[in-house]
Amino acid sequence: RTLFESWCKSAGLSMGLDQMGTMFARREGTDPSLDPVYV
């Protein structure tokens, strides 16, 4: 997880973490109000 997080940060992503430990690395869209596409 730590290695993956470092790669995400290097790519300019912001990291979210929920109560189950699931990691969500976000690249912002030009319209942040829109629901994201998850992959």
PDB file of all heavy atoms in Angstrom:
ATOM      1  N   ARG A   1       0.832  -1.202   0.000  1.00  0.00           N
ATOM      2  CA  ARG A   1       0.000   0.000   0.000  1.00  0.00           C
ATOM      3  C   ARG A   1       0.873   1.262   0.000  1.00  0.00           C
ATOM      4  O   ARG A   1       0.569   2.236  -0.721  1.00  0.00           O
ATOM      5  CB  ARG A   1      -0.893   0.015   1.240  1.00  0.00           C
ATOM      6  CG  ARG A   1      -2.023  -1.012   1.231  1.00  0.00           C
ATOM      7  CD  ARG A   1      -2.608  -1.169   2.631  1.00  0.00           C
ATOM      8  NE  ARG A   1      -3.811  -1.986   2.642  1.00  0.00           N
ATOM      9  CZ  ARG A   1      -5.056  -1.506   2.591  1.00  0.00           C
ATOM     10  NH1 ARG A   1      -5.247  -0.192   2.515  1.00  0.00           N
ATOM     11  NH2 ARG A   1      -6.091  -2.308   2.618  1.00  0.00           N
ATOM     12  N   THR A   2       1.915   1.232   0.792  1.00  0.00           N
ATOM     13  CA  THR A   2       2.794   2.405   0.883  1.00  0.00           C
ATOM     14  C   THR A   2       3.464   2.690  -0.452  1.00  0.00           C
ATOM     15  O   THR A   2       3.582   3.861  -0.870  1.00  0.00           O
ATOM     16  CB  THR A   2       3.848   2.194   1.984  1.00  0.00           C
ATOM     17  OG1 THR A   2       3.183   2.028   3.246  1.00  0.00           O
ATOM     18  CG2 THR A   2       4.795   3.377   2.075  1.00  0.00           C
ATOM     19  N   LEU A   3       3.914   1.641  -1.138  1.00  0.00           N
ATOM     20  CA  LEU A   3       4.523   1.835  -2.459  1.00  0.00           C
ATOM     21  C   LEU A   3       3.503   2.390  -3.442  1.00  0.00           C
ATOM     22  O   LEU A   3       3.793   3.337  -4.189  1.00  0.00           O
ATOM     23  CB  LEU A   3       5.092   0.510  -2.967  1.00  0.00           C
ATOM     24  CG  LEU A   3       5.721   0.554  -4.369  1.00  0.00           C
ATOM     25  CD1 LEU A   3       6.891   1.542  -4.407  1.00  0.00           C
ATOM     26  CD2 LEU A   3       6.171  -0.841  -4.791  1.00  0.00           C
ATOM     27  N   PHE A   4       2.304   1.815  -3.455  1.00  0.00           N
ATOM     28  CA  PHE A   4       1.261   2.299  -4.354  1.00  0.00           C
ATOM     29  C   PHE A   4       0.918   3.759  -4.053  1.00  0.00           C
ATOM     30  O   PHE A   4       0.765   4.579  -4.971  1.00  0.00           O
ATOM     31  CB  PHE A   4       0.018   1.419  -4.222  1.00  0.00           C
ATOM     32  CG  PHE A   4      -1.173   1.904  -4.990  1.00  0.00           C
ATOM     33  CD1 PHE A   4      -1.135   2.019  -6.376  1.00  0.00           C
ATOM     34  CD2 PHE A   4      -2.348   2.263  -4.324  1.00  0.00           C
ATOM     35  CE1 PHE A   4      -2.238   2.475  -7.086  1.00  0.00           C
ATOM     36  CE2 PHE A   4      -3.450   2.707  -5.031  1.00  0.00           C
ATOM     37  CZ  PHE A   4      -3.394   2.823  -6.407  1.00  0.00           C
ATOM     38  N   GLU A   5       0.832   4.101  -2.785  1.00  0.00           N
ATOM     39  CA  GLU A   5       0.539   5.488  -2.403  1.00  0.00           C
ATOM     40  C   GLU A   5       1.616   6.438  -2.914  1.00  0.00           C
ATOM     41  O   GLU A   5       1.316   7.538  -3.408  1.00  0.00           O
ATOM     42  CB  GLU A   5       0.425   5.601  -0.885  1.00  0.00           C
ATOM     43  CG  GLU A   5       0.091   7.012  -0.402  1.00  0.00           C
ATOM     44  CD  GLU A   5       0.045   7.113   1.106  1.00  0.00           C
ATOM     45  OE1 GLU A   5       0.897   6.481   1.771  1.00  0.00           O
ATOM     46  OE2 GLU A   5      -0.840   7.811   1.628  1.00  0.00           O
ATOM     47  N   SER A   6       2.878   6.022  -2.834  1.00  0.00           N
ATOM     48  CA  SER A   6       3.971   6.888  -3.307  1.00  0.00           C
ATOM     49  C   SER A   6       3.875   7.117  -4.811  1.00  0.00           C
ATOM     50  O   SER A   6       4.126   8.230  -5.294  1.00  0.00           O
ATOM     51  CB  SER A   6       5.328   6.280  -2.941  1.00  0.00           C
ATOM     52  OG  SER A   6       5.606   5.122  -3.724  1.00  0.00           O
ATOM     53  N   TRP A   7       3.492   6.088  -5.549  1.00  0.00           N
ATOM     54  CA  TRP A   7       3.324   6.240  -6.998  1.00  0.00           C
ATOM     55  C   TRP A   7       2.165   7.178  -7.313  1.00  0.00           C
ATOM     56  O   TRP A   7       2.242   7.992  -8.237  1.00  0.00           O
ATOM     57  CB  TRP A   7       3.065   4.880  -7.640  1.00  0.00           C
ATOM     58  CG  TRP A   7       4.269   3.991  -7.713  1.00  0.00           C
ATOM     59  CD1 TRP A   7       5.590   4.381  -7.659  1.00  0.00           C
ATOM     60  CD2 TRP A   7       4.286   2.567  -7.867  1.00  0.00           C
ATOM     61  NE1 TRP A   7       6.407   3.283  -7.768  1.00  0.00           N
ATOM     62  CE2 TRP A   7       5.641   2.162  -7.903  1.00  0.00           C
ATOM     63  CE3 TRP A   7       3.299   1.609  -7.985  1.00  0.00           C
ATOM     64  CZ2 TRP A   7       6.016   0.829  -8.055  1.00  0.00           C
ATOM     65  CZ3 TRP A   7       3.658   0.275  -8.133  1.00  0.00           C
ATOM     66  CH2 TRP A   7       5.009  -0.105  -8.165  1.00  0.00           C
ATOM     67  N   CYS A   8       1.088   7.064  -6.544  1.00  0.00           N
ATOM     68  CA  CYS A   8      -0.067   7.936  -6.763  1.00  0.00           C
ATOM     69  C   CYS A   8       0.283   9.397  -6.495  1.00  0.00           C
ATOM     70  O   CYS A   8      -0.097  10.298  -7.259  1.00  0.00           O
ATOM     71  CB  CYS A   8      -1.236   7.508  -5.880  1.00  0.00           C
ATOM     72  SG  CYS A   8      -1.977   5.919  -6.352  1.00  0.00           S
ATOM     73  N   LYS A   9       1.007   9.628  -5.430  1.00  0.00           N
ATOM     74  CA  LYS A   9       1.393  11.003  -5.102  1.00  0.00           C
ATOM     75  C   LYS A   9       2.327  11.568  -6.164  1.00  0.00           C
ATOM     76  O   LYS A   9       2.230  12.749  -6.536  1.00  0.00           O
ATOM     77  CB  LYS A   9       2.040  11.050  -3.715  1.00  0.00           C
ATOM     78  CG  LYS A   9       1.045  10.828  -2.578  1.00  0.00           C
ATOM     79  CD  LYS A   9       1.698  10.942  -1.214  1.00  0.00           C
ATOM     80  CE  LYS A   9       0.652  10.808  -0.097  1.00  0.00           C
ATOM     81  NZ  LYS A   9       1.271  10.885   1.251  1.00  0.00           N
ATOM     82  N   SER A  10       3.224  10.741  -6.681  1.00  0.00           N
ATOM     83  CA  SER A  10       4.129  11.190  -7.741  1.00  0.00           C
ATOM     84  C   SER A  10       3.360  11.554  -9.012  1.00  0.00           C
ATOM     85  O   SER A  10       3.813  12.396  -9.795  1.00  0.00           O
ATOM     86  CB  SER A  10       5.160  10.103  -8.061  1.00  0.00           C
ATOM     87  OG  SER A  10       6.001   9.859  -6.954  1.00  0.00           O
ATOM     88  N   ALA A  11       2.189  10.922  -9.195  1.00  0.00           N
ATOM     89  CA  ALA A  11       1.347  11.214 -10.356  1.00  0.00           C
ATOM     90  C   ALA A  11       0.406  12.386 -10.104  1.00  0.00           C
ATOM     91  O   ALA A  11      -0.440  12.699 -10.949  1.00  0.00           O
ATOM     92  CB  ALA A  11       0.541   9.971 -10.744  1.00  0.00           C
ATOM     93  N   GLY A  12       0.537  13.020  -8.932  1.00  0.00           N
ATOM     94  CA  GLY A  12      -0.271  14.191  -8.628  1.00  0.00           C
ATOM     95  C   GLY A  12      -1.655  13.884  -8.102  1.00  0.00           C
ATOM     96  O   GLY A  12      -2.537  14.751  -8.131  1.00  0.00           O
ATOM     97  N   LEU A  13      -1.874  12.675  -7.605  1.00  0.00           N
ATOM     98  CA  LEU A  13      -3.195  12.283  -7.131  1.00  0.00           C
ATOM     99  C   LEU A  13      -3.351  12.559  -5.637  1.00  0.00           C
ATOM    100  O   LEU A  13      -2.383  12.477  -4.872  1.00  0.00           O
ATOM    101  CB  LEU A  13      -3.436  10.796  -7.400  1.00  0.00           C
ATOM    102  CG  LEU A  13      -3.229  10.316  -8.841  1.00  0.00           C
ATOM    103  CD1 LEU A  13      -3.589   8.845  -8.962  1.00  0.00           C
ATOM    104  CD2 LEU A  13      -4.046  11.147  -9.806  1.00  0.00           C
ATOM    105  N   SER A  14      -4.567  12.879  -5.231  1.00  0.00           N
ATOM    106  CA  SER A  14      -4.878  13.023  -3.807  1.00  0.00           C
ATOM    107  C   SER A  14      -5.442  11.701  -3.311  1.00  0.00           C
ATOM    108  O   SER A  14      -6.220  11.040  -4.003  1.00  0.00           O
ATOM    109  CB  SER A  14      -5.887  14.152  -3.585  1.00  0.00           C
ATOM    110  OG  SER A  14      -7.088  13.901  -4.295  1.00  0.00           O
ATOM    111  N   MET A  15      -5.043  11.305  -2.100  1.00  0.00           N
ATOM    112  CA  MET A  15      -5.403   9.985  -1.596  1.00  0.00           C
ATOM    113  C   MET A  15      -6.478  10.067  -0.533  1.00  0.00           C
ATOM    114  O   MET A  15      -6.349  10.809   0.448  1.00  0.00           O
ATOM    115  CB  MET A  15      -4.167   9.279  -1.016  1.00  0.00           C
ATOM    116  CG  MET A  15      -4.418   7.863  -0.517  1.00  0.00           C
ATOM    117  SD  MET A  15      -4.914   6.713  -1.846  1.00  0.00           S
ATOM    118  CE  MET A  15      -3.360   6.590  -2.754  1.00  0.00           C
ATOM    119  N   GLY A  16      -7.566   9.307  -0.717  1.00  0.00           N
ATOM    120  CA  GLY A  16      -8.584   9.144   0.301  1.00  0.00           C
ATOM    121  C   GLY A  16      -8.520   7.736   0.871  1.00  0.00           C
ATOM    122  O   GLY A  16      -8.060   6.798   0.202  1.00  0.00           O
ATOM    123  N   LEU A  17      -8.969   7.589   2.118  1.00  0.00           N
ATOM    124  CA  LEU A  17      -8.916   6.293   2.804  1.00  0.00           C
ATOM    125  C   LEU A  17     -10.174   6.136   3.644  1.00  0.00           C
ATOM    126  O   LEU A  17     -10.470   6.997   4.485  1.00  0.00           O
ATOM    127  CB  LEU A  17      -7.672   6.217   3.688  1.00  0.00           C
ATOM    128  CG  LEU A  17      -7.361   4.883   4.364  1.00  0.00           C
ATOM    129  CD1 LEU A  17      -6.935   3.843   3.335  1.00  0.00           C
ATOM    130  CD2 LEU A  17      -6.262   5.057   5.417  1.00  0.00           C
ATOM    131  N   ASP A  18     -10.925   5.067   3.414  1.00  0.00           N
ATOM    132  CA  ASP A  18     -12.155   4.908   4.184  1.00  0.00           C
ATOM    133  C   ASP A  18     -11.949   3.980   5.370  1.00  0.00           C
ATOM    134  O   ASP A  18     -10.841   3.483   5.616  1.00  0.00           O
ATOM    135  CB  ASP A  18     -13.325   4.484   3.285  1.00  0.00           C
ATOM    136  CG  ASP A  18     -13.251   3.029   2.811  1.00  0.00           C
ATOM    137  OD1 ASP A  18     -12.399   2.256   3.301  1.00  0.00           O
ATOM    138  OD2 ASP A  18     -14.067   2.663   1.940  1.00  0.00           O
ATOM    139  N   GLN A  19     -13.024   3.751   6.126  1.00  0.00           N
ATOM    140  CA  GLN A  19     -12.925   2.980   7.368  1.00  0.00           C
ATOM    141  C   GLN A  19     -12.640   1.501   7.138  1.00  0.00           C
ATOM    142  O   GLN A  19     -12.315   0.782   8.078  1.00  0.00           O
ATOM    143  CB  GLN A  19     -14.238   3.135   8.155  1.00  0.00           C
ATOM    144  CG  GLN A  19     -14.475   4.544   8.660  1.00  0.00           C
ATOM    145  CD  GLN A  19     -15.909   4.740   9.139  1.00  0.00           C
ATOM    146  OE1 GLN A  19     -16.874   4.416   8.435  1.00  0.00           O
ATOM    147  NE2 GLN A  19     -16.067   5.274  10.344  1.00  0.00           N
ATOM    148  N   MET A  20     -12.742   1.042   5.899  1.00  0.00           N
ATOM    149  CA  MET A  20     -12.364  -0.332   5.559  1.00  0.00           C
ATOM    150  C   MET A  20     -10.940  -0.416   5.023  1.00  0.00           C
ATOM    151  O   MET A  20     -10.485  -1.482   4.623  1.00  0.00           O
ATOM    152  CB  MET A  20     -13.335  -0.910   4.529  1.00  0.00           C
ATOM    153  CG  MET A  20     -14.661  -1.358   5.121  1.00  0.00           C
ATOM    154  SD  MET A  20     -14.501  -2.769   6.235  1.00  0.00           S
ATOM    155  CE  MET A  20     -14.069  -4.071   5.087  1.00  0.00           C
ATOM    156  N   GLY A  21     -10.249   0.712   4.977  1.00  0.00           N
ATOM    157  CA  GLY A  21      -8.883   0.715   4.474  1.00  0.00           C
ATOM    158  C   GLY A  21      -8.775   0.750   2.966  1.00  0.00           C
ATOM    159  O   GLY A  21      -7.684   0.588   2.414  1.00  0.00           O
ATOM    160  N   THR A  22      -9.884   0.974   2.273  1.00  0.00           N
ATOM    161  CA  THR A  22      -9.844   1.065   0.820  1.00  0.00           C
ATOM    162  C   THR A  22      -9.232   2.400   0.414  1.00  0.00           C
ATOM    163  O   THR A  22      -9.566   3.449   0.976  1.00  0.00           O
ATOM    164  CB  THR A  22     -11.249   0.912   0.211  1.00  0.00           C
ATOM    165  OG1 THR A  22     -11.737  -0.396   0.526  1.00  0.00           O
ATOM    166  CG2 THR A  22     -11.229   1.088  -1.290  1.00  0.00           C
ATOM    167  N   MET A  23      -8.333   2.353  -0.573  1.00  0.00           N
ATOM    168  CA  MET A  23      -7.586   3.524  -1.027  1.00  0.00           C
ATOM    169  C   MET A  23      -8.231   4.093  -2.291  1.00  0.00           C
ATOM    170  O   MET A  23      -8.527   3.353  -3.231  1.00  0.00           O
ATOM    171  CB  MET A  23      -6.131   3.135  -1.300  1.00  0.00           C
ATOM    172  CG  MET A  23      -5.421   2.520  -0.104  1.00  0.00           C
ATOM    173  SD  MET A  23      -3.808   1.794  -0.534  1.00  0.00           S
ATOM    174  CE  MET A  23      -2.872   3.280  -0.923  1.00  0.00           C
ATOM    175  N   PHE A  24      -8.420   5.416  -2.305  1.00  0.00           N
ATOM    176  CA  PHE A  24      -9.031   6.107  -3.438  1.00  0.00           C
ATOM    177  C   PHE A  24      -8.103   7.237  -3.890  1.00  0.00           C
ATOM    178  O   PHE A  24      -7.974   8.253  -3.199  1.00  0.00           O
ATOM    179  CB  PHE A  24     -10.385   6.696  -3.048  1.00  0.00           C
ATOM    180  CG  PHE A  24     -11.393   5.686  -2.565  1.00  0.00           C
ATOM    181  CD1 PHE A  24     -11.548   5.436  -1.206  1.00  0.00           C
ATOM    182  CD2 PHE A  24     -12.187   4.987  -3.456  1.00  0.00           C
ATOM    183  CE1 PHE A  24     -12.485   4.522  -0.748  1.00  0.00           C
ATOM    184  CE2 PHE A  24     -13.121   4.060  -3.011  1.00  0.00           C
ATOM    185  CZ  PHE A  24     -13.274   3.828  -1.656  1.00  0.00           C
ATOM    186  N   ALA A  25      -7.450   7.058  -5.035  1.00  0.00           N
ATOM    187  CA  ALA A  25      -6.493   8.041  -5.547  1.00  0.00           C
ATOM    188  C   ALA A  25      -7.160   8.848  -6.660  1.00  0.00           C
ATOM    189  O   ALA A  25      -7.482   8.305  -7.717  1.00  0.00           O
ATOM    190  CB  ALA A  25      -5.240   7.347  -6.057  1.00  0.00           C
ATOM    191  N   ARG A  26      -7.336  10.149  -6.445  1.00  0.00           N
ATOM    192  CA  ARG A  26      -8.172  10.992  -7.315  1.00  0.00           C
ATOM    193  C   ARG A  26      -7.345  11.947  -8.169  1.00  0.00           C
ATOM    194  O   ARG A  26      -6.489  12.674  -7.661  1.00  0.00           O
ATOM    195  CB  ARG A  26      -9.152  11.785  -6.453  1.00  0.00           C
ATOM    196  CG  ARG A  26     -10.035  12.776  -7.219  1.00  0.00           C
ATOM    197  CD  ARG A  26     -11.007  13.448  -6.286  1.00  0.00           C
ATOM    198  NE  ARG A  26     -11.800  14.488  -6.927  1.00  0.00           N
ATOM    199  CZ  ARG A  26     -13.128  14.545  -6.912  1.00  0.00           C
ATOM    200  NH1 ARG A  26     -13.815  13.599  -6.272  1.00  0.00           N
ATOM    201  NH2 ARG A  26     -13.771  15.532  -7.496  1.00  0.00           N
ATOM    202  N   ARG A  27      -7.645  11.923  -9.460  1.00  0.00           N
ATOM    203  CA  ARG A  27      -7.162  12.946 -10.385  1.00  0.00           C
ATOM    204  C   ARG A  27      -8.329  13.885 -10.664  1.00  0.00           C
ATOM    205  O   ARG A  27      -9.367  13.474 -11.160  1.00  0.00           O
ATOM    206  CB  ARG A  27      -6.674  12.321 -11.696  1.00  0.00           C
ATOM    207  CG  ARG A  27      -6.051  13.337 -12.674  1.00  0.00           C
ATOM    208  CD  ARG A  27      -5.676  12.629 -13.968  1.00  0.00           C
ATOM    209  NE  ARG A  27      -4.736  13.395 -14.783  1.00  0.00           N
ATOM    210  CZ  ARG A  27      -5.066  14.045 -15.907  1.00  0.00           C
ATOM    211  NH1 ARG A  27      -6.333  14.053 -16.327  1.00  0.00           N
ATOM    212  NH2 ARG A  27      -4.138  14.677 -16.599  1.00  0.00           N
ATOM    213  N   GLU A  28      -8.146  15.141 -10.368  1.00  0.00           N
ATOM    214  CA  GLU A  28      -9.250  16.086 -10.452  1.00  0.00           C
ATOM    215  C   GLU A  28      -9.677  16.311 -11.893  1.00  0.00           C
ATOM    216  O   GLU A  28      -8.860  16.273 -12.817  1.00  0.00           O
ATOM    217  CB  GLU A  28      -8.866  17.427  -9.808  1.00  0.00           C
ATOM    218  CG  GLU A  28     -10.060  18.289  -9.452  1.00  0.00           C
ATOM    219  CD  GLU A  28     -11.029  17.549  -8.554  1.00  0.00           C
ATOM    220  OE1 GLU A  28     -10.818  17.548  -7.326  1.00  0.00           O
ATOM    221  OE2 GLU A  28     -11.998  16.951  -9.092  1.00  0.00           O
ATOM    222  N   GLY A  29     -10.982  16.505 -12.094  1.00  0.00           N
ATOM    223  CA  GLY A  29     -11.511  16.880 -13.391  1.00  0.00           C
ATOM    224  C   GLY A  29     -11.640  18.388 -13.498  1.00  0.00           C
ATOM    225  O   GLY A  29     -11.495  19.112 -12.505  1.00  0.00           O
ATOM    226  N   THR A  30     -11.921  18.848 -14.685  1.00  0.00           N
ATOM    227  CA  THR A  30     -12.117  20.298 -14.851  1.00  0.00           C
ATOM    228  C   THR A  30     -13.406  20.756 -14.193  1.00  0.00           C
ATOM    229  O   THR A  30     -13.568  21.943 -13.899  1.00  0.00           O
ATOM    230  CB  THR A  30     -12.128  20.680 -16.341  1.00  0.00           C
ATOM    231  OG1 THR A  30     -13.185  19.961 -17.003  1.00  0.00           O
ATOM    232  CG2 THR A  30     -10.788  20.353 -16.988  1.00  0.00           C
ATOM    233  N   ASP A  31     -14.331  19.826 -13.949  1.00  0.00           N
ATOM    234  CA  ASP A  31     -15.551  20.126 -13.195  1.00  0.00           C
ATOM    235  C   ASP A  31     -15.615  19.195 -11.992  1.00  0.00           C
ATOM    236  O   ASP A  31     -16.183  18.103 -12.060  1.00  0.00           O
ATOM    237  CB  ASP A  31     -16.791  19.940 -14.076  1.00  0.00           C
ATOM    238  CG  ASP A  31     -18.065  20.414 -13.389  1.00  0.00           C
ATOM    239  OD1 ASP A  31     -18.031  20.652 -12.167  1.00  0.00           O
ATOM    240  OD2 ASP A  31     -19.097  20.548 -14.085  1.00  0.00           O
ATOM    241  N   PRO A  32     -15.024  19.613 -10.871  1.00  0.00           N
ATOM    242  CA  PRO A  32     -14.950  18.744  -9.693  1.00  0.00           C
ATOM    243  C   PRO A  32     -16.305  18.380  -9.103  1.00  0.00           C
ATOM    244  O   PRO A  32     -16.397  17.451  -8.288  1.00  0.00           O
ATOM    245  CB  PRO A  32     -14.136  19.571  -8.691  1.00  0.00           C
ATOM    246  CG  PRO A  32     -13.412  20.589  -9.517  1.00  0.00           C
ATOM    247  CD  PRO A  32     -14.321  20.883 -10.660  1.00  0.00           C
ATOM    248  N   SER A  33     -17.372  19.086  -9.514  1.00  0.00           N
ATOM    249  CA  SER A  33     -18.696  18.789  -8.976  1.00  0.00           C
ATOM    250  C   SER A  33     -19.302  17.528  -9.587  1.00  0.00           C
ATOM    251  O   SER A  33     -20.266  16.976  -9.047  1.00  0.00           O
ATOM    252  CB  SER A  33     -19.636  19.972  -9.218  1.00  0.00           C
ATOM    253  OG  SER A  33     -19.926  20.115 -10.605  1.00  0.00           O
ATOM    254  N   LEU A  34     -18.755  17.064 -10.703  1.00  0.00           N
ATOM    255  CA  LEU A  34     -19.290  15.877 -11.376  1.00  0.00           C
ATOM    256  C   LEU A  34     -18.859  14.604 -10.646  1.00  0.00           C
ATOM    257  O   LEU A  34     -17.765  14.524 -10.084  1.00  0.00           O
ATOM    258  CB  LEU A  34     -18.808  15.823 -12.822  1.00  0.00           C
ATOM    259  CG  LEU A  34     -19.298  16.938 -13.749  1.00  0.00           C
ATOM    260  CD1 LEU A  34     -18.665  16.780 -15.128  1.00  0.00           C
ATOM    261  CD2 LEU A  34     -20.823  16.920 -13.857  1.00  0.00           C
ATOM    262  N   ASP A  35     -19.726  13.593 -10.677  1.00  0.00           N
ATOM    263  CA  ASP A  35     -19.368  12.299 -10.084  1.00  0.00           C
ATOM    264  C   ASP A  35     -18.201  11.696 -10.856  1.00  0.00           C
ATOM    265  O   ASP A  35     -18.188  11.705 -12.089  1.00  0.00           O
ATOM    266  CB  ASP A  35     -20.551  11.346 -10.135  1.00  0.00           C
ATOM    267  CG  ASP A  35     -21.696  11.781  -9.223  1.00  0.00           C
ATOM    268  OD1 ASP A  35     -21.470  12.659  -8.368  1.00  0.00           O
ATOM    269  OD2 ASP A  35     -22.809  11.239  -9.377  1.00  0.00           O
ATOM    270  N   PRO A  36     -17.216  11.147 -10.153  1.00  0.00           N
ATOM    271  CA  PRO A  36     -16.021  10.617 -10.818  1.00  0.00           C
ATOM    272  C   PRO A  36     -16.262   9.278 -11.522  1.00  0.00           C
ATOM    273  O   PRO A  36     -17.207   8.540 -11.228  1.00  0.00           O
ATOM    274  CB  PRO A  36     -15.025  10.433  -9.665  1.00  0.00           C
ATOM    275  CG  PRO A  36     -15.577  11.213  -8.515  1.00  0.00           C
ATOM    276  CD  PRO A  36     -17.061  11.178  -8.685  1.00  0.00           C
ATOM    277  N   VAL A  37     -15.353   8.977 -12.430  1.00  0.00           N
ATOM    278  CA  VAL A  37     -15.230   7.639 -13.009  1.00  0.00           C
ATOM    279  C   VAL A  37     -14.205   6.877 -12.173  1.00  0.00           C
ATOM    280  O   VAL A  37     -13.091   7.371 -11.952  1.00  0.00           O
ATOM    281  CB  VAL A  37     -14.777   7.708 -14.481  1.00  0.00           C
ATOM    282  CG1 VAL A  37     -14.549   6.307 -15.038  1.00  0.00           C
ATOM    283  CG2 VAL A  37     -15.800   8.467 -15.311  1.00  0.00           C
ATOM    284  N   TYR A  38     -14.582   5.708 -11.703  1.00  0.00           N
ATOM    285  CA  TYR A  38     -13.707   4.899 -10.860  1.00  0.00           C
ATOM    286  C   TYR A  38     -13.127   3.745 -11.671  1.00  0.00           C
ATOM    287  O   TYR A  38     -13.802   3.153 -12.512  1.00  0.00           O
ATOM    288  CB  TYR A  38     -14.475   4.346  -9.654  1.00  0.00           C
ATOM    289  CG  TYR A  38     -14.724   5.368  -8.569  1.00  0.00           C
ATOM    290  CD1 TYR A  38     -15.608   6.425  -8.774  1.00  0.00           C
ATOM    291  CD2 TYR A  38     -14.076   5.293  -7.344  1.00  0.00           C
ATOM    292  CE1 TYR A  38     -15.839   7.377  -7.790  1.00  0.00           C
ATOM    293  CE2 TYR A  38     -14.297   6.236  -6.351  1.00  0.00           C
ATOM    294  CZ  TYR A  38     -15.180   7.272  -6.581  1.00  0.00           C
ATOM    295  OH  TYR A  38     -15.395   8.218  -5.600  1.00  0.00           O
ATOM    296  N   VAL A  39     -11.869   3.413 -11.373  1.00  0.00           N
ATOM    297  CA  VAL A  39     -11.205   2.297 -12.042  1.00  0.00           C
ATOM    298  C   VAL A  39     -10.277   1.651 -11.022  1.00  0.00           C
ATOM    299  O   VAL A  39      -9.556   2.333 -10.297  1.00  0.00           O
ATOM    300  CB  VAL A  39     -10.431   2.769 -13.295  1.00  0.00           C
ATOM    301  CG1 VAL A  39      -9.443   3.869 -12.965  1.00  0.00           C
ATOM    302  CG2 VAL A  39      -9.709   1.611 -13.963  1.00  0.00           C
TER     303      VAL A  39
END
